[in-house]
Amino acid sequence: MTGVTLTSAGLDPRRRRILFRCWHRGIREMDLVFGQFAEAEIATLSDAELDEFETIMAEEDNDLVRWIMGTWPVPEHLQTPMFDRLAAYTPDFDKPLRTPE
């Protein structure tokens, strides 16, 4: 089970797909960053912001970790307001990831 707390019932198909992809990145740290960011922001992002977000999501997780953590410089094509918002987002790493069974 993922850490998803937002129901996707009220979201359009594109936003549902993005939310799912955010919680299924491949690296748990990126699941937490992207997943919690998406839960907080997905409903209010414009189409242009969604385009930009999907461009960021297409990058390799290992590279994203380094860029977001600041250990590698962010490539010019990702030096955007959306990347800045994502990199500045502080996920709650203490948030329970599983519901009690």
N, C-alpha and C. Protein backbone atom coordinates (compact mmCIF):
# COMPACT_ATOMS: atom_id res chain seq x y z
N MET A 1 0.84 -1.18 0.00
CA MET A 1 0.00 0.00 0.00
C MET A 1 0.88 1.24 0.00
N THR A 2 0.42 2.28 -0.65
CA THR A 2 1.17 3.52 -0.71
C THR A 2 0.77 4.44 0.42
N GLY A 3 1.32 5.63 0.42
CA GLY A 3 0.97 6.63 1.42
C GLY A 3 -0.18 7.52 0.99
N VAL A 4 -0.90 7.16 -0.05
CA VAL A 4 -1.96 7.99 -0.59
C VAL A 4 -3.03 8.26 0.46
N THR A 5 -3.33 9.53 0.66
CA THR A 5 -4.43 9.89 1.55
C THR A 5 -5.51 10.63 0.79
N LEU A 6 -5.18 11.18 -0.38
CA LEU A 6 -6.14 11.89 -1.20
C LEU A 6 -6.93 10.90 -2.04
N THR A 7 -8.23 11.04 -2.05
CA THR A 7 -9.03 10.21 -2.94
C THR A 7 -8.96 10.81 -4.34
N SER A 8 -8.86 9.96 -5.33
CA SER A 8 -8.79 10.45 -6.70
C SER A 8 -10.17 10.53 -7.34
N ALA A 9 -11.20 10.25 -6.58
CA ALA A 9 -12.57 10.20 -7.12
C ALA A 9 -12.99 11.50 -7.79
N GLY A 10 -12.60 12.63 -7.26
CA GLY A 10 -13.02 13.91 -7.83
C GLY A 10 -12.07 14.47 -8.86
N LEU A 11 -11.04 13.72 -9.20
CA LEU A 11 -10.04 14.21 -10.14
C LEU A 11 -10.33 13.72 -11.55
N ASP A 12 -9.94 14.53 -12.54
CA ASP A 12 -10.08 14.10 -13.93
C ASP A 12 -9.06 12.99 -14.21
N PRO A 13 -9.24 12.24 -15.30
CA PRO A 13 -8.34 11.11 -15.58
C PRO A 13 -6.85 11.46 -15.62
N ARG A 14 -6.52 12.61 -16.18
CA ARG A 14 -5.10 12.99 -16.24
C ARG A 14 -4.53 13.16 -14.84
N ARG A 15 -5.23 13.85 -13.98
CA ARG A 15 -4.75 14.07 -12.61
C ARG A 15 -4.68 12.76 -11.83
N ARG A 16 -5.65 11.87 -12.05
CA ARG A 16 -5.61 10.55 -11.40
C ARG A 16 -4.36 9.78 -11.81
N ARG A 17 -4.08 9.81 -13.11
CA ARG A 17 -2.90 9.11 -13.63
C ARG A 17 -1.61 9.69 -13.05
N ILE A 18 -1.53 11.01 -13.00
CA ILE A 18 -0.34 11.67 -12.43
C ILE A 18 -0.19 11.31 -10.95
N LEU A 19 -1.29 11.38 -10.21
CA LEU A 19 -1.24 11.05 -8.78
C LEU A 19 -0.74 9.62 -8.58
N PHE A 20 -1.26 8.68 -9.35
CA PHE A 20 -0.81 7.29 -9.25
C PHE A 20 0.69 7.20 -9.54
N ARG A 21 1.12 7.82 -10.63
CA ARG A 21 2.54 7.77 -10.99
C ARG A 21 3.44 8.41 -9.93
N CYS A 22 2.94 9.42 -9.26
CA CYS A 22 3.73 10.08 -8.21
C CYS A 22 4.00 9.14 -7.04
N TRP A 23 3.06 8.26 -6.74
CA TRP A 23 3.22 7.33 -5.62
C TRP A 23 3.89 6.02 -6.03
N HIS A 24 4.20 5.88 -7.31
CA HIS A 24 4.81 4.64 -7.81
C HIS A 24 6.04 4.98 -8.65
N ARG A 25 6.97 5.70 -8.07
CA ARG A 25 8.15 6.18 -8.79
C ARG A 25 9.21 5.10 -8.95
N GLY A 26 9.45 4.33 -7.91
CA GLY A 26 10.51 3.33 -7.95
C GLY A 26 11.51 3.52 -6.83
N ILE A 27 11.69 4.75 -6.40
CA ILE A 27 12.54 5.05 -5.24
C ILE A 27 11.62 5.66 -4.19
N ARG A 28 11.60 5.07 -3.02
CA ARG A 28 10.65 5.47 -1.98
C ARG A 28 10.74 6.95 -1.63
N GLU A 29 11.95 7.50 -1.61
CA GLU A 29 12.10 8.93 -1.30
C GLU A 29 11.37 9.78 -2.35
N MET A 30 11.45 9.36 -3.59
CA MET A 30 10.77 10.11 -4.65
C MET A 30 9.26 9.89 -4.58
N ASP A 31 8.83 8.70 -4.15
CA ASP A 31 7.40 8.48 -3.91
C ASP A 31 6.89 9.50 -2.90
N LEU A 32 7.63 9.69 -1.83
CA LEU A 32 7.21 10.60 -0.78
C LEU A 32 7.21 12.05 -1.24
N VAL A 33 8.26 12.45 -1.93
CA VAL A 33 8.33 13.83 -2.41
C VAL A 33 7.24 14.09 -3.44
N PHE A 34 7.20 13.28 -4.50
CA PHE A 34 6.23 13.51 -5.56
C PHE A 34 4.81 13.23 -5.08
N GLY A 35 4.62 12.14 -4.34
CA GLY A 35 3.28 11.77 -3.90
C GLY A 35 2.65 12.81 -2.99
N GLN A 36 3.39 13.23 -1.98
CA GLN A 36 2.83 14.21 -1.06
C GLN A 36 2.66 15.58 -1.72
N PHE A 37 3.61 15.95 -2.60
CA PHE A 37 3.46 17.20 -3.35
C PHE A 37 2.19 17.13 -4.20
N ALA A 38 2.01 16.03 -4.92
CA ALA A 38 0.84 15.90 -5.78
C ALA A 38 -0.45 15.94 -4.97
N GLU A 39 -0.47 15.26 -3.84
CA GLU A 39 -1.68 15.29 -3.01
C GLU A 39 -2.02 16.72 -2.59
N ALA A 40 -1.01 17.51 -2.30
CA ALA A 40 -1.23 18.88 -1.85
C ALA A 40 -1.59 19.82 -3.00
N GLU A 41 -1.10 19.55 -4.21
CA GLU A 41 -1.18 20.52 -5.30
C GLU A 41 -1.99 20.10 -6.52
N ILE A 42 -2.17 18.81 -6.75
CA ILE A 42 -2.68 18.31 -8.03
C ILE A 42 -4.02 18.93 -8.43
N ALA A 43 -4.90 19.13 -7.49
CA ALA A 43 -6.25 19.62 -7.83
C ALA A 43 -6.24 21.05 -8.35
N THR A 44 -5.22 21.82 -8.01
CA THR A 44 -5.21 23.24 -8.39
C THR A 44 -4.21 23.58 -9.48
N LEU A 45 -3.44 22.60 -9.96
CA LEU A 45 -2.46 22.89 -11.01
C LEU A 45 -3.16 23.15 -12.34
N SER A 46 -2.67 24.15 -13.06
CA SER A 46 -3.21 24.44 -14.39
C SER A 46 -2.71 23.39 -15.38
N ASP A 47 -3.27 23.40 -16.58
CA ASP A 47 -2.81 22.46 -17.61
C ASP A 47 -1.33 22.68 -17.93
N ALA A 48 -0.90 23.92 -18.00
CA ALA A 48 0.50 24.23 -18.27
C ALA A 48 1.39 23.71 -17.14
N GLU A 49 0.94 23.88 -15.90
CA GLU A 49 1.71 23.37 -14.76
C GLU A 49 1.76 21.84 -14.77
N LEU A 50 0.65 21.21 -15.15
CA LEU A 50 0.65 19.75 -15.26
C LEU A 50 1.63 19.29 -16.33
N ASP A 51 1.68 20.01 -17.45
CA ASP A 51 2.65 19.68 -18.51
C ASP A 51 4.07 19.74 -17.96
N GLU A 52 4.36 20.80 -17.24
CA GLU A 52 5.69 20.99 -16.67
C GLU A 52 6.00 19.91 -15.63
N PHE A 53 5.02 19.59 -14.81
CA PHE A 53 5.18 18.57 -13.79
C PHE A 53 5.47 17.21 -14.43
N GLU A 54 4.73 16.88 -15.49
CA GLU A 54 4.96 15.62 -16.18
C GLU A 54 6.34 15.57 -16.84
N THR A 55 6.83 16.70 -17.31
CA THR A 55 8.19 16.76 -17.87
C THR A 55 9.20 16.42 -16.79
N ILE A 56 9.01 16.97 -15.61
CA ILE A 56 9.91 16.67 -14.48
C ILE A 56 9.81 15.19 -14.12
N MET A 57 8.59 14.67 -14.08
CA MET A 57 8.37 13.27 -13.70
C MET A 57 9.04 12.30 -14.68
N ALA A 58 9.27 12.72 -15.90
CA ALA A 58 9.87 11.85 -16.91
C ALA A 58 11.37 11.63 -16.68
N GLU A 59 11.97 12.42 -15.81
CA GLU A 59 13.40 12.28 -15.52
C GLU A 59 13.64 11.04 -14.66
N GLU A 60 14.86 10.55 -14.69
CA GLU A 60 15.25 9.39 -13.89
C GLU A 60 15.24 9.73 -12.40
N ASP A 61 14.73 8.81 -11.59
CA ASP A 61 14.64 9.04 -10.14
C ASP A 61 16.00 9.32 -9.51
N ASN A 62 17.02 8.59 -9.89
CA ASN A 62 18.33 8.80 -9.28
C ASN A 62 18.84 10.21 -9.55
N ASP A 63 18.58 10.72 -10.74
CA ASP A 63 18.98 12.10 -11.06
C ASP A 63 18.13 13.09 -10.27
N LEU A 64 16.82 12.84 -10.21
CA LEU A 64 15.93 13.74 -9.48
C LEU A 64 16.32 13.86 -8.01
N VAL A 65 16.67 12.74 -7.40
CA VAL A 65 17.10 12.77 -6.00
C VAL A 65 18.28 13.72 -5.84
N ARG A 66 19.24 13.61 -6.71
CA ARG A 66 20.45 14.45 -6.61
C ARG A 66 20.13 15.92 -6.86
N TRP A 67 19.26 16.20 -7.82
CA TRP A 67 18.90 17.59 -8.11
C TRP A 67 18.08 18.18 -6.98
N ILE A 68 17.13 17.43 -6.47
CA ILE A 68 16.27 17.94 -5.40
C ILE A 68 17.05 18.11 -4.11
N MET A 69 17.97 17.18 -3.83
CA MET A 69 18.78 17.28 -2.62
C MET A 69 19.89 18.33 -2.75
N GLY A 70 20.13 18.78 -3.98
CA GLY A 70 21.15 19.80 -4.19
C GLY A 70 22.55 19.27 -4.34
N THR A 71 22.72 17.95 -4.50
CA THR A 71 24.07 17.40 -4.65
C THR A 71 24.57 17.50 -6.08
N TRP A 72 23.67 17.69 -7.02
CA TRP A 72 24.01 17.95 -8.42
C TRP A 72 23.33 19.24 -8.83
N PRO A 73 23.95 20.00 -9.71
CA PRO A 73 23.26 21.20 -10.22
C PRO A 73 22.06 20.81 -11.08
N VAL A 74 21.02 21.59 -10.98
CA VAL A 74 19.80 21.33 -11.75
C VAL A 74 20.07 21.71 -13.21
N PRO A 75 19.77 20.80 -14.14
CA PRO A 75 20.00 21.13 -15.55
C PRO A 75 19.13 22.31 -15.99
N GLU A 76 19.60 23.01 -16.96
CA GLU A 76 18.92 24.23 -17.42
C GLU A 76 17.46 23.98 -17.80
N HIS A 77 17.17 22.86 -18.45
CA HIS A 77 15.79 22.61 -18.89
C HIS A 77 14.82 22.38 -17.72
N LEU A 78 15.37 22.15 -16.52
CA LEU A 78 14.51 21.96 -15.35
C LEU A 78 14.53 23.17 -14.40
N GLN A 79 15.23 24.20 -14.78
CA GLN A 79 15.26 25.40 -13.94
C GLN A 79 13.99 26.21 -14.20
N THR A 80 12.91 25.72 -13.59
CA THR A 80 11.57 26.29 -13.81
C THR A 80 10.90 26.54 -12.47
N PRO A 81 9.88 27.37 -12.46
CA PRO A 81 9.13 27.59 -11.21
C PRO A 81 8.54 26.28 -10.64
N MET A 82 8.08 25.38 -11.50
CA MET A 82 7.51 24.12 -11.01
C MET A 82 8.57 23.28 -10.32
N PHE A 83 9.77 23.19 -10.91
CA PHE A 83 10.82 22.41 -10.26
C PHE A 83 11.19 23.05 -8.93
N ASP A 84 11.24 24.39 -8.89
CA ASP A 84 11.55 25.08 -7.64
C ASP A 84 10.50 24.76 -6.58
N ARG A 85 9.22 24.74 -6.96
CA ARG A 85 8.15 24.40 -6.01
C ARG A 85 8.31 22.98 -5.50
N LEU A 86 8.59 22.07 -6.41
CA LEU A 86 8.75 20.67 -6.03
C LEU A 86 9.96 20.48 -5.12
N ALA A 87 11.08 21.09 -5.47
CA ALA A 87 12.30 20.95 -4.68
C ALA A 87 12.16 21.61 -3.31
N ALA A 88 11.34 22.64 -3.22
CA ALA A 88 11.16 23.34 -1.94
C ALA A 88 10.15 22.62 -1.05
N TYR A 89 9.36 21.72 -1.63
CA TYR A 89 8.35 21.01 -0.87
C TYR A 89 9.03 20.07 0.12
N THR A 90 8.60 20.10 1.36
CA THR A 90 9.16 19.25 2.39
C THR A 90 8.15 18.19 2.77
N PRO A 91 8.35 16.97 2.30
CA PRO A 91 7.40 15.91 2.65
C PRO A 91 7.50 15.53 4.12
N ASP A 92 6.43 14.99 4.63
CA ASP A 92 6.38 14.49 6.00
C ASP A 92 6.85 13.04 5.98
N PHE A 93 8.14 12.83 6.28
CA PHE A 93 8.70 11.48 6.24
C PHE A 93 8.21 10.62 7.40
N ASP A 94 7.57 11.24 8.39
CA ASP A 94 7.04 10.49 9.52
C ASP A 94 5.60 10.06 9.32
N LYS A 95 5.00 10.50 8.23
CA LYS A 95 3.61 10.16 7.94
C LYS A 95 3.50 8.64 7.75
N PRO A 96 2.52 8.00 8.38
CA PRO A 96 2.37 6.54 8.20
C PRO A 96 2.13 6.20 6.73
N LEU A 97 2.78 5.15 6.28
CA LEU A 97 2.65 4.75 4.89
C LEU A 97 1.68 3.61 4.71
N ARG A 98 1.30 2.98 5.77
CA ARG A 98 0.35 1.87 5.70
C ARG A 98 -0.77 2.11 6.70
N THR A 99 -1.92 1.65 6.32
CA THR A 99 -3.03 1.73 7.25
C THR A 99 -3.01 0.47 8.09
N PRO A 100 -3.44 0.55 9.35
CA PRO A 100 -3.48 -0.65 10.19
C PRO A 100 -4.39 -1.71 9.57
N GLU A 101 -4.00 -2.95 9.69
CA GLU A 101 -4.81 -4.03 9.11
C GLU A 101 -5.75 -4.62 10.12
